[in-house]
Amino acid sequence: MPLRHIPERTCVACRTPRPKRKMVRVVRAPDGGVSVDETGKKSGRGAYLCRRTECWQVGLRRRALDRALKTELSAADREALTAFGAAQPTGEPVAVREERGTP
């Protein structure tokens, strides 16, 4: 029996590909609102983050979510996402690429 294909997505913070079901989708709805999509089925532009506090902090601090969703996160959206990310477990150290211009 052939192996079943497992879809992968890349975390916008640590750039690590993981199985889609082990990631959290953040979606920008057509009306412009940003929210966490636990089901992965909401309509709108999506971005994925690992289920680790560090990735949520990096994604918000470096504005990786803003770029991936092609929008400017409002203060309320940023606060809600920060709270959701703080509830995620801490994991292995994040291997994040250094920003350009820093040695």
Protein backbone atom coordinates (compact mmCIF):
# COMPACT_ATOMS: atom_id res chain seq x y z
CA MET A 1 0.00 0.00 0.00
CA PRO A 2 1.48 3.41 -0.96
CA LEU A 3 2.23 5.98 1.71
CA ARG A 4 -0.31 8.72 2.11
CA HIS A 5 0.79 12.25 1.19
CA ILE A 6 1.09 14.52 4.24
CA PRO A 7 0.79 18.22 3.36
CA GLU A 8 3.52 20.44 4.80
CA ARG A 9 3.56 24.14 5.55
CA THR A 10 6.46 26.44 6.47
CA CYS A 11 6.49 28.48 9.66
CA VAL A 12 6.78 32.20 8.85
CA ALA A 13 9.01 32.73 11.91
CA CYS A 14 11.56 29.89 11.94
CA ARG A 15 11.09 28.85 8.26
CA THR A 16 10.88 25.17 9.25
CA PRO A 17 8.57 22.96 7.16
CA ARG A 18 6.29 20.78 9.29
CA PRO A 19 3.11 18.77 8.75
CA LYS A 20 0.13 21.08 8.31
CA ARG A 21 -1.75 19.58 11.26
CA LYS A 22 1.10 20.44 13.64
CA MET A 23 0.94 24.13 12.72
CA VAL A 24 -1.44 26.95 13.63
CA ARG A 25 -3.00 28.96 10.81
CA VAL A 26 -3.53 32.68 11.18
CA VAL A 27 -5.96 34.08 8.63
CA ARG A 28 -6.76 37.53 7.27
CA ALA A 29 -10.45 37.46 6.42
CA PRO A 30 -11.81 39.24 3.34
CA ASP A 31 -13.13 42.00 5.62
CA GLY A 32 -9.58 42.65 6.91
CA GLY A 33 -9.88 41.03 10.35
CA VAL A 34 -7.04 38.79 11.53
CA SER A 35 -7.69 35.73 13.70
CA VAL A 36 -6.40 32.29 14.60
CA ASP A 37 -7.94 29.55 12.45
CA GLU A 38 -7.93 26.33 14.47
CA THR A 39 -9.86 24.41 11.80
CA GLY A 40 -7.69 25.53 8.87
CA LYS A 41 -10.79 26.06 6.75
CA LYS A 42 -11.68 29.75 7.12
CA SER A 43 -11.61 31.72 3.92
CA GLY A 44 -8.93 34.34 3.50
CA ARG A 45 -5.18 34.68 3.22
CA GLY A 46 -3.37 32.39 5.66
CA ALA A 47 0.02 32.10 7.30
CA TYR A 48 1.34 29.30 9.47
CA LEU A 49 3.27 29.30 12.74
CA CYS A 50 4.67 26.45 14.82
CA ARG A 51 2.97 25.60 18.08
CA ARG A 52 5.82 27.16 20.07
CA THR A 53 5.86 30.39 22.04
CA GLU A 54 9.20 31.39 20.51
CA CYS A 55 7.87 31.28 16.96
CA TRP A 56 4.88 33.44 17.90
CA GLN A 57 7.17 36.00 19.54
CA VAL A 58 9.53 36.09 16.54
CA GLY A 59 6.66 36.21 14.04
CA LEU A 60 5.11 39.21 15.74
CA ARG A 61 8.33 41.03 16.68
CA ARG A 62 9.87 40.82 13.20
CA ARG A 63 6.53 41.47 11.51
CA ALA A 64 6.73 38.18 9.61
CA LEU A 65 2.97 37.74 10.05
CA ASP A 66 2.32 41.22 8.68
CA ARG A 67 4.32 40.41 5.54
CA ALA A 68 2.82 36.95 5.07
CA LEU A 69 -0.74 38.24 5.46
CA LYS A 70 0.02 41.36 3.39
CA THR A 71 -1.53 43.66 5.97
CA GLU A 72 -0.64 45.83 8.94
CA LEU A 73 -1.80 44.13 12.15
CA SER A 74 -3.86 46.39 14.39
CA ALA A 75 -2.93 46.78 18.06
CA ALA A 76 -5.94 44.68 19.08
CA ASP A 77 -5.06 41.89 16.63
CA ARG A 78 -1.42 41.94 17.73
CA GLU A 79 -2.47 41.75 21.40
CA ALA A 80 -4.83 38.82 20.76
CA LEU A 81 -2.18 36.91 18.79
CA THR A 82 0.43 37.61 21.48
CA ALA A 83 -1.90 36.17 24.12
CA PHE A 84 -2.59 33.08 21.98
CA GLY A 85 1.14 32.60 21.36
CA ALA A 86 1.95 32.90 25.06
CA ALA A 87 -0.36 29.95 25.72
CA GLN A 88 1.64 27.72 23.34
CA PRO A 89 4.29 25.39 24.78
CA THR A 90 7.95 26.32 24.72
CA GLY A 91 10.04 24.04 22.55
CA GLU A 92 13.51 23.46 21.23
CA PRO A 93 15.54 26.58 20.39
CA VAL A 94 14.45 28.42 17.29
CA ALA A 95 16.94 28.56 14.45
CA VAL A 96 16.07 31.95 13.00
CA ARG A 97 17.99 33.50 10.16
CA GLU A 98 19.82 36.67 11.09
CA GLU A 99 18.38 39.86 9.70
CA ARG A 100 20.18 41.48 6.82
CA GLY A 101 22.79 44.00 7.73
CA THR A 102 23.75 42.33 11.01
CA PRO A 103 26.92 40.24 11.10
